Amino acid sequence: MITNMLFSFILITLSISCYYLYEALWLKPEKLRNKLRNQGMMGPPPSFLSGNVSDMMRIKSMAAVSSDNQSTIFTYATGNVQHLYVGDPNLVKEISLCQTWALGKPLYLHKEIGPLFGNGVVRSNGQIWAHQRRTIAPEFFTDKVKGMVGIMADSTVPVLRLWEDEIEKQGGIAELRVDIDLTNVSADIISKACFGSSYSKGRVIFLKLRELVKAMSKTGLLVKIPALRYLPTKNNREVWRLVKEIRKLILNVAKKRRQESKTANDFIADNCKNIYIAGHETVASVATWALLFLASHPQWQTLAREEVLQLVPEGCLRDAEMLHKMKILTMVVQETLCLMPPTSLMAREVFEDMQFGDIINIPKGINFWIPISTLHRNPEIWGPDANDFKPERFANGILGATKVPYAYIPFGLGPRTCLGQKFAIAELKIIISLILSKFCFALSPNYKHAPAFTIVIVPKHGLQLLVKKFSRNCKE
């Protein structure tokens, strides 16, 4: 009798557990899909456990440099998380105009990128996000950025000297792997901006963060099966170890300045990581692509250099006003951000049922997946030359460059637009202008074009340039 009761209890428990598992993994996501299907938004049929993971891994890798799937909206799933791919510029506009806290960073993605960003301004939502943004934003106001011009220039000069030495060693022209050097320059700038006199310790922190970025990139952040993050795999254990080490290093620096509460410590640790990723990896990747484009288009390299030499004849860049006068370089940077934005995708989650204009009704729990690179290369928006490097399209600014200005979103959209974009633009102009003032460069025959999506879009095999010192007789 007791045995039968125990067996029945176990059977009932298993049945209930299976039902709740089935509801979480299939019934609930299927209800969301049906609400979208009823409005004409279709998608590939998902499998029970993984959804459309394999399909989206392929699309994600193509999105970095492709203009396919233009002006499209379709559904897909990763595990039990339901997504809506948004390539339609009209819906992107509605999303960008949305000011409510009911639209924010996806909760599932919070768990995936938690080791990297913590609960900092990049990852948080609602009042926590608003408080952090109000606190951090003043550090990136125009007057603060102007005060950092000297730091940015000083951080760039050592790399220029290394290049000069290498050119001399190699007899007047050198093949250089420049993407690594640009990453180091950007790391130096951010570490000095964040840690000031504690720069040397800050650099150790950022080297650890770079290791964490690489470890996180191996996990396929946007489309992997969520449950896999809990498994004690070799890569996951590496991520967990680095998170602990980085937090300890950051707080050791902070404690030497003042004693903080645990909440304040979390704020400092998480947002230091946020600023590093947002202001370091992104700038380094855009600077790399800008040099590639200038190496491939010598006429624009010449035009940009002539402008720099005219505005900064002594090669001493200390005045922020000079940056505003660099019209040609601004066009080059804007075009680079258009063709190769720091990241190819942007994600948002709907936290309550919402209607976007007269377009569609989106149920709570849907995650938007916005392909930035696709929007930036859509011929319907930018014209038939959308995939060509044509800085002149920005001669009259963003409004004059495209029929749909809100489809140009290299720094995100809406209220969550990157708060450090002025800092990033200034840093890009300083790095590129100083390089142009010193060197001529062309693509090396050893360069292999293979853009890859990690945390940002980077050249998979690096960027090799043939570099020589600039002279008036220099021919690119």
Protein backbone atom coordinates (compact mmCIF):
# COMPACT_ATOMS: atom_id res chain seq x y z
CA MET A 1 0.00 0.00 0.00
CA ILE A 2 2.75 2.45 1.01
CA THR A 3 4.77 1.43 -2.03
CA ASN A 4 1.81 2.11 -4.33
CA MET A 5 1.23 5.52 -2.72
CA LEU A 6 4.90 6.42 -3.08
CA PHE A 7 4.88 5.33 -6.69
CA SER A 8 1.75 7.39 -7.35
CA PHE A 9 3.28 10.42 -5.67
CA ILE A 10 6.44 10.12 -7.76
CA LEU A 11 4.38 9.67 -10.92
CA ILE A 12 2.22 12.70 -10.16
CA THR A 13 5.29 14.81 -9.32
CA LEU A 14 7.00 13.80 -12.56
CA SER A 15 3.84 14.49 -14.54
CA ILE A 16 3.46 17.97 -13.05
CA SER A 17 7.16 18.70 -13.60
CA CYS A 18 6.94 17.54 -17.21
CA TYR A 19 3.87 19.68 -17.79
CA TYR A 20 5.49 22.82 -16.39
CA LEU A 21 8.60 22.09 -18.41
CA TYR A 22 6.51 21.60 -21.55
CA GLU A 23 4.60 24.80 -20.82
CA ALA A 24 7.78 26.82 -20.29
CA LEU A 25 9.66 25.37 -23.27
CA TRP A 26 6.82 25.17 -25.77
CA LEU A 27 3.29 26.28 -24.85
CA LYS A 28 4.15 29.79 -23.62
CA PRO A 29 6.51 30.59 -26.53
CA GLU A 30 3.97 29.10 -28.96
CA LYS A 31 1.26 31.44 -27.65
CA LEU A 32 3.57 34.40 -28.33
CA ARG A 33 4.32 33.09 -31.82
CA ASN A 34 0.61 32.71 -32.55
CA LYS A 35 -0.04 36.34 -31.59
CA LEU A 36 2.62 37.40 -34.09
CA ARG A 37 1.46 34.97 -36.79
CA ASN A 38 -2.05 36.39 -36.55
CA GLN A 39 -0.57 39.72 -37.62
CA GLY A 40 1.26 38.18 -40.56
CA MET A 41 4.68 37.83 -38.92
CA MET A 42 5.98 34.38 -39.73
CA GLY A 43 9.24 32.53 -39.19
CA PRO A 44 11.01 29.18 -39.52
CA PRO A 45 9.50 26.37 -37.40
CA PRO A 46 11.49 26.00 -34.16
CA SER A 47 12.67 22.72 -32.67
CA PHE A 48 11.49 21.79 -29.17
CA LEU A 49 14.64 22.50 -27.15
CA SER A 50 16.94 24.70 -29.22
CA GLY A 51 14.41 26.71 -31.24
CA ASN A 52 16.14 28.19 -34.31
CA VAL A 53 19.64 28.40 -32.84
CA SER A 54 21.40 26.89 -35.85
CA ASP A 55 19.47 29.12 -38.28
CA MET A 56 20.28 32.29 -36.34
CA MET A 57 23.95 31.44 -35.90
CA ARG A 58 24.15 31.50 -39.68
CA ILE A 59 22.15 34.74 -39.98
CA LYS A 60 24.21 36.39 -37.21
CA SER A 61 27.47 35.71 -39.01
CA MET A 62 26.04 37.07 -42.27
CA ALA A 63 24.53 40.17 -40.65
CA ALA A 64 27.93 41.70 -39.90
CA VAL A 65 28.53 42.57 -43.55
CA SER A 66 25.35 41.70 -45.45
CA SER A 67 22.41 43.72 -46.68
CA ASP A 68 20.24 40.61 -47.11
CA ASN A 69 16.86 40.36 -45.38
CA GLN A 70 16.21 44.03 -46.12
CA SER A 71 12.98 45.58 -44.80
CA THR A 72 11.87 42.27 -43.30
CA ILE A 73 10.17 41.17 -40.10
CA PHE A 74 10.20 37.53 -39.06
CA THR A 75 10.03 35.44 -35.91
CA TYR A 76 12.54 32.98 -34.48
CA ALA A 77 13.32 31.29 -31.16
CA THR A 78 16.39 30.45 -29.08
CA GLY A 79 15.41 27.83 -26.56
CA ASN A 80 12.20 29.15 -25.00
CA VAL A 81 12.96 32.81 -25.79
CA GLN A 82 10.89 34.30 -28.61
CA HIS A 83 12.38 36.94 -30.91
CA LEU A 84 11.24 39.25 -33.68
CA TYR A 85 13.83 40.15 -36.32
CA VAL A 86 13.18 43.77 -37.32
CA GLY A 87 14.65 44.94 -40.61
CA ASP A 88 11.75 47.26 -41.39
CA PRO A 89 12.84 50.92 -41.00
CA ASN A 90 9.33 52.06 -40.08
CA LEU A 91 9.19 49.75 -37.08
CA VAL A 92 12.76 50.72 -36.16
CA LYS A 93 11.58 54.32 -36.11
CA GLU A 94 8.71 53.46 -33.77
CA ILE A 95 11.09 51.60 -31.46
CA SER A 96 13.52 54.53 -31.44
CA LEU A 97 10.73 56.97 -30.50
CA CYS A 98 9.59 54.79 -27.59
CA GLN A 99 10.36 56.51 -24.27
CA THR A 100 8.73 54.05 -21.85
CA TRP A 101 10.61 51.78 -19.45
CA ALA A 102 8.42 48.96 -20.78
CA LEU A 103 11.03 48.56 -23.52
CA GLY A 104 14.55 47.71 -22.41
CA LYS A 105 17.50 45.36 -22.57
CA PRO A 106 16.41 41.69 -22.83
CA LEU A 107 16.27 39.81 -19.55
CA TYR A 108 17.54 36.59 -21.10
CA LEU A 109 20.53 38.49 -22.48
CA HIS A 110 21.19 39.96 -19.04
CA LYS A 111 21.94 36.47 -17.82
CA GLU A 112 24.10 35.72 -20.83
CA ILE A 113 26.25 38.85 -20.64
CA GLY A 114 26.06 39.28 -16.87
CA PRO A 115 29.71 38.27 -16.36
CA LEU A 116 30.76 40.93 -18.82
CA PHE A 117 28.57 43.91 -17.86
CA GLY A 118 27.21 43.09 -14.40
CA ASN A 119 24.20 45.30 -13.65
CA GLY A 120 25.81 48.43 -15.09
CA VAL A 121 24.27 51.07 -17.31
CA VAL A 122 24.63 48.98 -20.48
CA ARG A 123 22.67 46.05 -19.07
CA SER A 124 20.19 47.45 -16.51
CA ASN A 125 16.60 48.63 -16.99
CA GLY A 126 14.03 50.92 -15.37
CA GLN A 127 14.92 53.11 -12.42
CA ILE A 128 18.28 51.41 -11.89
CA TRP A 129 19.29 52.23 -15.45
CA ALA A 130 17.97 55.82 -15.20
CA HIS A 131 19.91 56.44 -11.99
CA GLN A 132 23.13 55.07 -13.45
CA ARG A 133 22.80 57.05 -16.65
CA ARG A 134 22.16 60.31 -14.75
CA THR A 135 25.22 59.61 -12.60
CA ILE A 136 27.59 58.66 -15.42
CA ALA A 137 26.41 60.95 -18.25
CA PRO A 138 28.08 64.15 -16.90
CA GLU A 139 31.46 62.43 -17.24
CA PHE A 140 30.92 62.39 -21.00
CA PHE A 141 29.57 65.91 -21.46
CA THR A 142 31.29 68.03 -24.10
CA ASP A 143 33.42 70.00 -21.63
CA LYS A 144 34.76 66.79 -20.07
CA VAL A 145 35.55 65.31 -23.48
CA LYS A 146 37.41 68.48 -24.47
CA GLY A 147 39.55 68.11 -21.37
CA MET A 148 40.59 64.62 -22.43
CA VAL A 149 42.03 65.56 -25.83
CA GLY A 150 45.55 65.72 -24.43
CA ILE A 151 45.21 62.30 -22.78
CA MET A 152 44.01 60.80 -26.07
CA ALA A 153 46.88 62.31 -28.05
CA ASP A 154 49.51 61.34 -25.48
CA SER A 155 48.26 57.74 -25.50
CA THR A 156 48.55 57.56 -29.28
CA VAL A 157 52.10 58.96 -29.62
CA PRO A 158 53.98 55.89 -28.23
CA VAL A 159 52.44 53.64 -30.89
CA LEU A 160 53.42 56.10 -33.60
CA ARG A 161 57.01 55.98 -32.35
CA LEU A 162 56.95 52.18 -32.42
CA TRP A 163 55.78 52.30 -36.03
CA GLU A 164 58.56 54.76 -36.92
CA ASP A 165 61.15 52.46 -35.36
CA GLU A 166 59.78 49.44 -37.20
CA ILE A 167 59.75 51.31 -40.51
CA GLU A 168 63.40 52.25 -40.03
CA LYS A 169 64.31 48.64 -39.17
CA GLN A 170 62.58 47.35 -42.29
CA GLY A 171 64.27 49.82 -44.63
CA GLY A 172 61.65 52.52 -45.11
CA ILE A 173 58.44 50.53 -45.39
CA ALA A 174 57.03 48.06 -42.89
CA GLU A 175 54.20 45.54 -42.81
CA LEU A 176 52.37 46.17 -39.53
CA ARG A 177 49.52 44.37 -37.76
CA VAL A 178 47.77 47.62 -36.82
CA ASP A 179 44.55 46.33 -35.22
CA ILE A 180 46.46 45.10 -32.17
CA ASP A 181 48.19 48.46 -31.73
CA LEU A 182 44.88 50.33 -32.07
CA THR A 183 43.37 48.11 -29.40
CA ASN A 184 46.27 48.93 -27.08
CA VAL A 185 45.91 52.67 -27.71
CA SER A 186 42.21 52.59 -26.94
CA ALA A 187 42.85 50.57 -23.78
CA ASP A 188 45.40 53.14 -22.63
CA ILE A 189 42.98 56.01 -23.20
CA ILE A 190 40.10 54.38 -21.33
CA SER A 191 42.27 53.19 -18.47
CA LYS A 192 43.67 56.70 -17.95
CA ALA A 193 40.20 58.22 -18.19
CA CYS A 194 38.80 55.77 -15.64
CA PHE A 195 41.67 55.45 -13.19
CA GLY A 196 43.75 58.60 -13.58
CA SER A 197 46.78 58.31 -11.33
CA SER A 198 46.02 54.61 -10.83
CA TYR A 199 46.47 54.02 -14.55
CA SER A 200 49.00 51.18 -14.23
CA LYS A 201 46.63 49.17 -12.07
CA GLY A 202 43.79 50.07 -14.37
CA ARG A 203 45.70 48.63 -17.31
CA VAL A 204 45.99 45.28 -15.50
CA ILE A 205 42.23 45.31 -15.00
CA PHE A 206 41.60 45.98 -18.65
CA LEU A 207 43.93 43.21 -19.77
CA LYS A 208 41.84 40.86 -17.65
CA LEU A 209 38.68 42.31 -19.17
CA ARG A 210 40.07 41.62 -22.62
CA GLU A 211 40.52 37.98 -21.62
CA LEU A 212 36.91 37.96 -20.42
CA VAL A 213 35.69 39.40 -23.71
CA LYS A 214 37.46 36.62 -25.61
CA ALA A 215 36.02 33.97 -23.30
CA MET A 216 32.51 35.39 -23.61
CA SER A 217 32.82 35.60 -27.40
CA LYS A 218 33.32 31.85 -27.59
CA THR A 219 29.85 31.23 -26.16
CA GLY A 220 27.76 32.76 -28.97
CA LEU A 221 26.08 35.38 -26.79
CA LEU A 222 23.02 36.17 -28.82
CA VAL A 223 21.80 32.79 -30.00
CA LYS A 224 23.08 30.05 -27.75
CA ILE A 225 20.84 27.84 -25.62
CA PRO A 226 20.40 29.75 -22.31
CA ALA A 227 20.78 26.73 -20.00
CA LEU A 228 24.32 26.08 -21.23
CA ARG A 229 25.69 29.01 -19.22
CA TYR A 230 25.21 27.02 -15.98
CA LEU A 231 27.26 24.02 -17.07
CA PRO A 232 30.78 23.84 -15.56
CA THR A 233 32.46 23.69 -18.96
CA LYS A 234 36.09 24.73 -19.32
CA ASN A 235 35.08 28.03 -20.92
CA ASN A 236 32.39 28.78 -18.32
CA ARG A 237 34.83 28.11 -15.49
CA GLU A 238 37.28 30.53 -17.13
CA VAL A 239 34.55 33.18 -17.31
CA TRP A 240 33.61 32.70 -13.63
CA ARG A 241 37.26 32.96 -12.57
CA LEU A 242 37.87 36.15 -14.54
CA VAL A 243 34.73 37.81 -13.17
CA LYS A 244 35.94 37.31 -9.59
CA GLU A 245 39.46 38.52 -10.36
CA ILE A 246 38.28 41.63 -12.19
CA ARG A 247 35.84 42.62 -9.45
CA LYS A 248 38.56 42.27 -6.82
CA LEU A 249 41.05 44.35 -8.84
CA ILE A 250 38.55 47.16 -9.48
CA LEU A 251 37.45 47.38 -5.86
CA ASN A 252 41.04 47.37 -4.61
CA VAL A 253 41.65 50.53 -6.63
CA ALA A 254 38.37 52.10 -5.47
CA LYS A 255 38.96 51.33 -1.79
CA LYS A 256 42.23 53.25 -1.83
CA ARG A 257 40.23 56.34 -2.68
CA ARG A 258 37.37 55.88 -0.24
CA GLN A 259 35.43 53.22 1.60
CA GLU A 260 32.24 52.23 -0.17
CA SER A 261 29.13 50.22 0.67
CA LYS A 262 28.45 46.96 -1.15
CA THR A 263 25.90 48.72 -3.38
CA ALA A 264 28.43 51.40 -4.29
CA ASN A 265 31.05 48.72 -4.92
CA ASP A 266 28.70 46.95 -7.31
CA PHE A 267 28.06 50.24 -9.10
CA ILE A 268 31.79 50.94 -9.47
CA ALA A 269 32.78 47.42 -10.53
CA ASP A 270 29.96 46.95 -13.01
CA ASN A 271 30.18 50.35 -14.66
CA CYS A 272 33.97 50.24 -14.96
CA LYS A 273 33.47 47.10 -17.02
CA ASN A 274 30.66 48.78 -19.00
CA ILE A 275 32.80 51.81 -19.85
CA TYR A 276 35.72 49.62 -20.85
CA ILE A 277 33.70 47.51 -23.29
CA ALA A 278 31.64 50.39 -24.67
CA GLY A 279 34.57 52.78 -24.99
CA HIS A 280 37.46 50.47 -25.79
CA GLU A 281 36.47 47.55 -28.00
CA THR A 282 34.10 49.69 -30.08
CA VAL A 283 36.55 52.51 -30.80
CA ALA A 284 39.38 50.11 -31.62
CA SER A 285 37.23 48.21 -34.11
CA VAL A 286 35.97 51.37 -35.89
CA ALA A 287 39.49 52.84 -36.05
CA THR A 288 40.70 49.58 -37.61
CA TRP A 289 38.03 49.63 -40.32
CA ALA A 290 38.63 53.33 -40.98
CA LEU A 291 42.30 52.65 -41.71
CA LEU A 292 41.32 49.76 -43.96
CA PHE A 293 38.99 52.01 -45.97
CA LEU A 294 41.58 54.78 -46.21
CA ALA A 295 44.22 52.25 -47.29
CA SER A 296 41.83 50.95 -49.98
CA HIS A 297 40.84 54.45 -51.16
CA PRO A 298 44.07 56.50 -51.40
CA GLN A 299 42.24 59.54 -52.76
CA TRP A 300 40.33 59.85 -49.46
CA GLN A 301 43.49 59.18 -47.50
CA THR A 302 45.13 62.12 -49.29
CA LEU A 303 42.15 64.43 -48.76
CA ALA A 304 41.91 63.59 -45.07
CA ARG A 305 45.67 64.02 -44.57
CA GLU A 306 45.73 67.40 -46.29
CA GLU A 307 42.96 68.60 -44.01
CA VAL A 308 44.79 67.36 -40.91
CA LEU A 309 48.08 68.96 -41.95
CA GLN A 310 46.33 72.25 -42.63
CA LEU A 311 44.56 72.31 -39.25
CA VAL A 312 47.40 70.79 -37.20
CA PRO A 313 50.56 71.92 -39.03
CA GLU A 314 52.90 71.08 -36.17
CA GLY A 315 51.33 67.68 -35.48
CA CYS A 316 50.52 68.80 -31.92
CA LEU A 317 46.85 68.12 -31.30
CA ARG A 318 45.69 69.69 -28.03
CA ASP A 319 42.78 71.91 -29.04
CA ALA A 320 39.39 70.20 -29.18
CA GLU A 321 38.12 72.90 -31.55
CA MET A 322 40.44 71.50 -34.21
CA LEU A 323 38.43 68.29 -34.16
CA HIS A 324 35.21 70.12 -35.05
CA LYS A 325 36.90 71.70 -38.06
CA MET A 326 37.91 68.32 -39.53
CA LYS A 327 35.01 68.03 -41.98
CA ILE A 328 36.57 65.44 -44.28
CA LEU A 329 37.70 63.23 -41.40
CA THR A 330 34.22 63.51 -39.90
CA MET A 331 32.76 62.23 -43.17
CA VAL A 332 35.24 59.34 -43.18
CA VAL A 333 34.35 58.38 -39.60
CA GLN A 334 30.61 58.61 -40.27
CA GLU A 335 30.89 56.48 -43.41
CA THR A 336 32.99 53.90 -41.53
CA LEU A 337 30.36 53.77 -38.77
CA CYS A 338 27.75 53.23 -41.47
CA LEU A 339 29.48 50.39 -43.30
CA MET A 340 31.14 48.75 -40.29
CA PRO A 341 29.31 49.81 -37.10
CA PRO A 342 30.80 48.66 -33.77
CA THR A 343 28.15 45.94 -33.47
CA SER A 344 25.92 44.45 -36.15
CA LEU A 345 22.88 43.81 -33.94
CA MET A 346 20.83 45.48 -31.21
CA ALA A 347 18.36 43.76 -28.89
CA ARG A 348 15.33 45.02 -26.93
CA GLU A 349 12.62 43.25 -24.89
CA VAL A 350 8.98 44.26 -24.48
CA PHE A 351 8.08 44.07 -20.76
CA GLU A 352 4.36 44.69 -21.29
CA ASP A 353 1.97 44.48 -24.25
CA MET A 354 2.73 47.42 -26.55
CA GLN A 355 1.49 48.92 -29.79
CA PHE A 356 3.98 50.61 -32.08
CA GLY A 357 2.16 53.28 -34.07
CA ASP A 358 -0.38 51.75 -36.40
CA ILE A 359 2.02 48.98 -37.35
CA ILE A 360 1.76 46.03 -34.98
CA ASN A 361 0.88 44.93 -31.47
CA ILE A 362 3.77 43.28 -29.66
CA PRO A 363 2.96 40.99 -26.70
CA LYS A 364 4.92 41.04 -23.48
CA GLY A 365 8.00 38.82 -23.60
CA ILE A 366 8.95 39.39 -27.25
CA ASN A 367 12.57 40.31 -27.93
CA PHE A 368 13.41 42.60 -30.84
CA TRP A 369 16.56 41.82 -32.81
CA ILE A 370 17.51 44.86 -34.94
CA PRO A 371 20.19 44.28 -37.63
CA ILE A 372 22.18 47.54 -37.64
CA SER A 373 24.47 46.48 -40.48
CA THR A 374 21.52 45.48 -42.64
CA LEU A 375 19.81 48.84 -42.12
CA HIS A 376 23.05 50.67 -42.88
CA ARG A 377 23.50 48.83 -46.17
CA ASN A 378 19.90 48.83 -47.42
CA PRO A 379 19.81 50.26 -50.99
CA GLU A 380 16.21 51.37 -50.46
CA ILE A 381 17.46 53.68 -47.71
CA TRP A 382 20.96 54.63 -48.87
CA GLY A 383 20.75 54.22 -52.63
CA PRO A 384 22.26 51.68 -55.05
CA ASP A 385 25.79 52.45 -53.80
CA ALA A 386 24.91 51.50 -50.20
CA ASN A 387 27.77 49.00 -49.97
CA ASP A 388 30.41 51.36 -51.39
CA PHE A 389 32.77 53.49 -49.33
CA LYS A 390 31.54 57.00 -50.19
CA PRO A 391 32.23 59.51 -47.40
CA GLU A 392 30.80 62.27 -49.60
CA ARG A 393 27.32 61.01 -48.81
CA PHE A 394 27.80 62.63 -45.38
CA ALA A 395 28.92 66.01 -46.79
CA ASN A 396 25.70 67.54 -45.46
CA GLY A 397 25.54 65.47 -42.30
CA ILE A 398 23.35 62.49 -41.47
CA LEU A 399 20.13 64.20 -42.58
CA GLY A 400 21.61 64.73 -46.02
CA ALA A 401 23.07 61.24 -46.31
CA THR A 402 19.94 59.11 -46.28
CA LYS A 403 16.23 59.15 -46.94
CA VAL A 404 15.66 57.60 -43.50
CA PRO A 405 17.89 59.27 -40.86
CA TYR A 406 16.58 57.11 -38.00
CA ALA A 407 17.98 54.07 -39.83
CA TYR A 408 21.53 55.33 -39.07
CA ILE A 409 22.13 53.91 -35.60
CA PRO A 410 25.83 53.09 -35.04
CA PHE A 411 25.48 54.18 -31.40
CA GLY A 412 22.05 52.66 -30.79
CA LEU A 413 18.67 54.35 -30.81
CA GLY A 414 16.17 56.13 -28.59
CA PRO A 415 16.80 57.04 -24.95
CA ARG A 416 19.46 54.33 -24.70
CA THR A 417 21.73 55.87 -27.32
CA CYS A 418 25.36 55.41 -26.25
CA LEU A 419 26.19 58.12 -23.72
CA GLY A 420 29.88 57.97 -24.66
CA GLN A 421 29.50 58.65 -28.38
CA LYS A 422 31.09 62.15 -28.19
CA PHE A 423 34.05 60.63 -26.38
CA ALA A 424 34.29 57.88 -29.02
CA ILE A 425 34.13 60.28 -31.98
CA ALA A 426 36.79 62.53 -30.46
CA GLU A 427 39.05 59.55 -29.80
CA LEU A 428 38.60 58.23 -33.34
CA LYS A 429 39.45 61.60 -34.89
CA ILE A 430 42.56 62.02 -32.74
CA ILE A 431 43.93 58.53 -33.41
CA ILE A 432 43.28 58.64 -37.15
CA SER A 433 44.47 62.24 -37.62
CA LEU A 434 47.76 61.62 -35.83
CA ILE A 435 48.38 58.51 -37.93
CA LEU A 436 47.59 60.42 -41.13
CA SER A 437 49.99 63.23 -40.17
CA LYS A 438 52.88 60.78 -39.77
CA PHE A 439 52.35 57.94 -42.24
CA CYS A 440 51.19 56.81 -45.68
CA PHE A 441 49.72 53.33 -45.81
CA ALA A 442 48.25 50.73 -48.14
CA LEU A 443 46.74 47.28 -47.72
CA SER A 444 49.23 44.45 -47.42
CA PRO A 445 48.81 41.56 -49.89
CA ASN A 446 48.72 39.34 -46.79
CA TYR A 447 45.47 40.91 -45.58
CA LYS A 448 42.50 38.52 -45.74
CA HIS A 449 39.10 40.19 -45.60
CA ALA A 450 36.97 38.24 -43.13
CA PRO A 451 34.83 40.40 -40.80
CA ALA A 452 33.90 38.45 -37.68
CA PHE A 453 31.34 39.12 -34.96
CA THR A 454 32.64 38.81 -31.41
CA ILE A 455 31.51 41.50 -28.98
CA VAL A 456 32.12 43.92 -31.86
CA ILE A 457 32.83 43.47 -35.58
CA VAL A 458 36.55 42.84 -36.13
CA PRO A 459 38.78 41.54 -38.95
CA LYS A 460 39.10 37.86 -38.15
CA HIS A 461 42.72 37.64 -39.29
CA GLY A 462 43.73 41.15 -38.25
CA LEU A 463 44.57 44.18 -40.40
CA GLN A 464 47.99 44.17 -42.06
CA LEU A 465 49.10 47.45 -43.66
CA LEU A 466 52.20 48.48 -45.58
CA VAL A 467 53.26 51.66 -43.77
CA LYS A 468 55.91 54.29 -44.49
CA LYS A 469 56.66 57.72 -43.08
CA PHE A 470 54.79 60.56 -44.75
CA SER A 471 56.57 63.07 -46.92
CA ARG A 472 55.31 65.43 -49.59
CA ASN A 473 56.64 63.00 -52.17
CA CYS A 474 54.84 60.10 -50.55
CA LYS A 475 52.59 58.18 -52.91
CA GLU A 476 49.90 56.07 -51.28
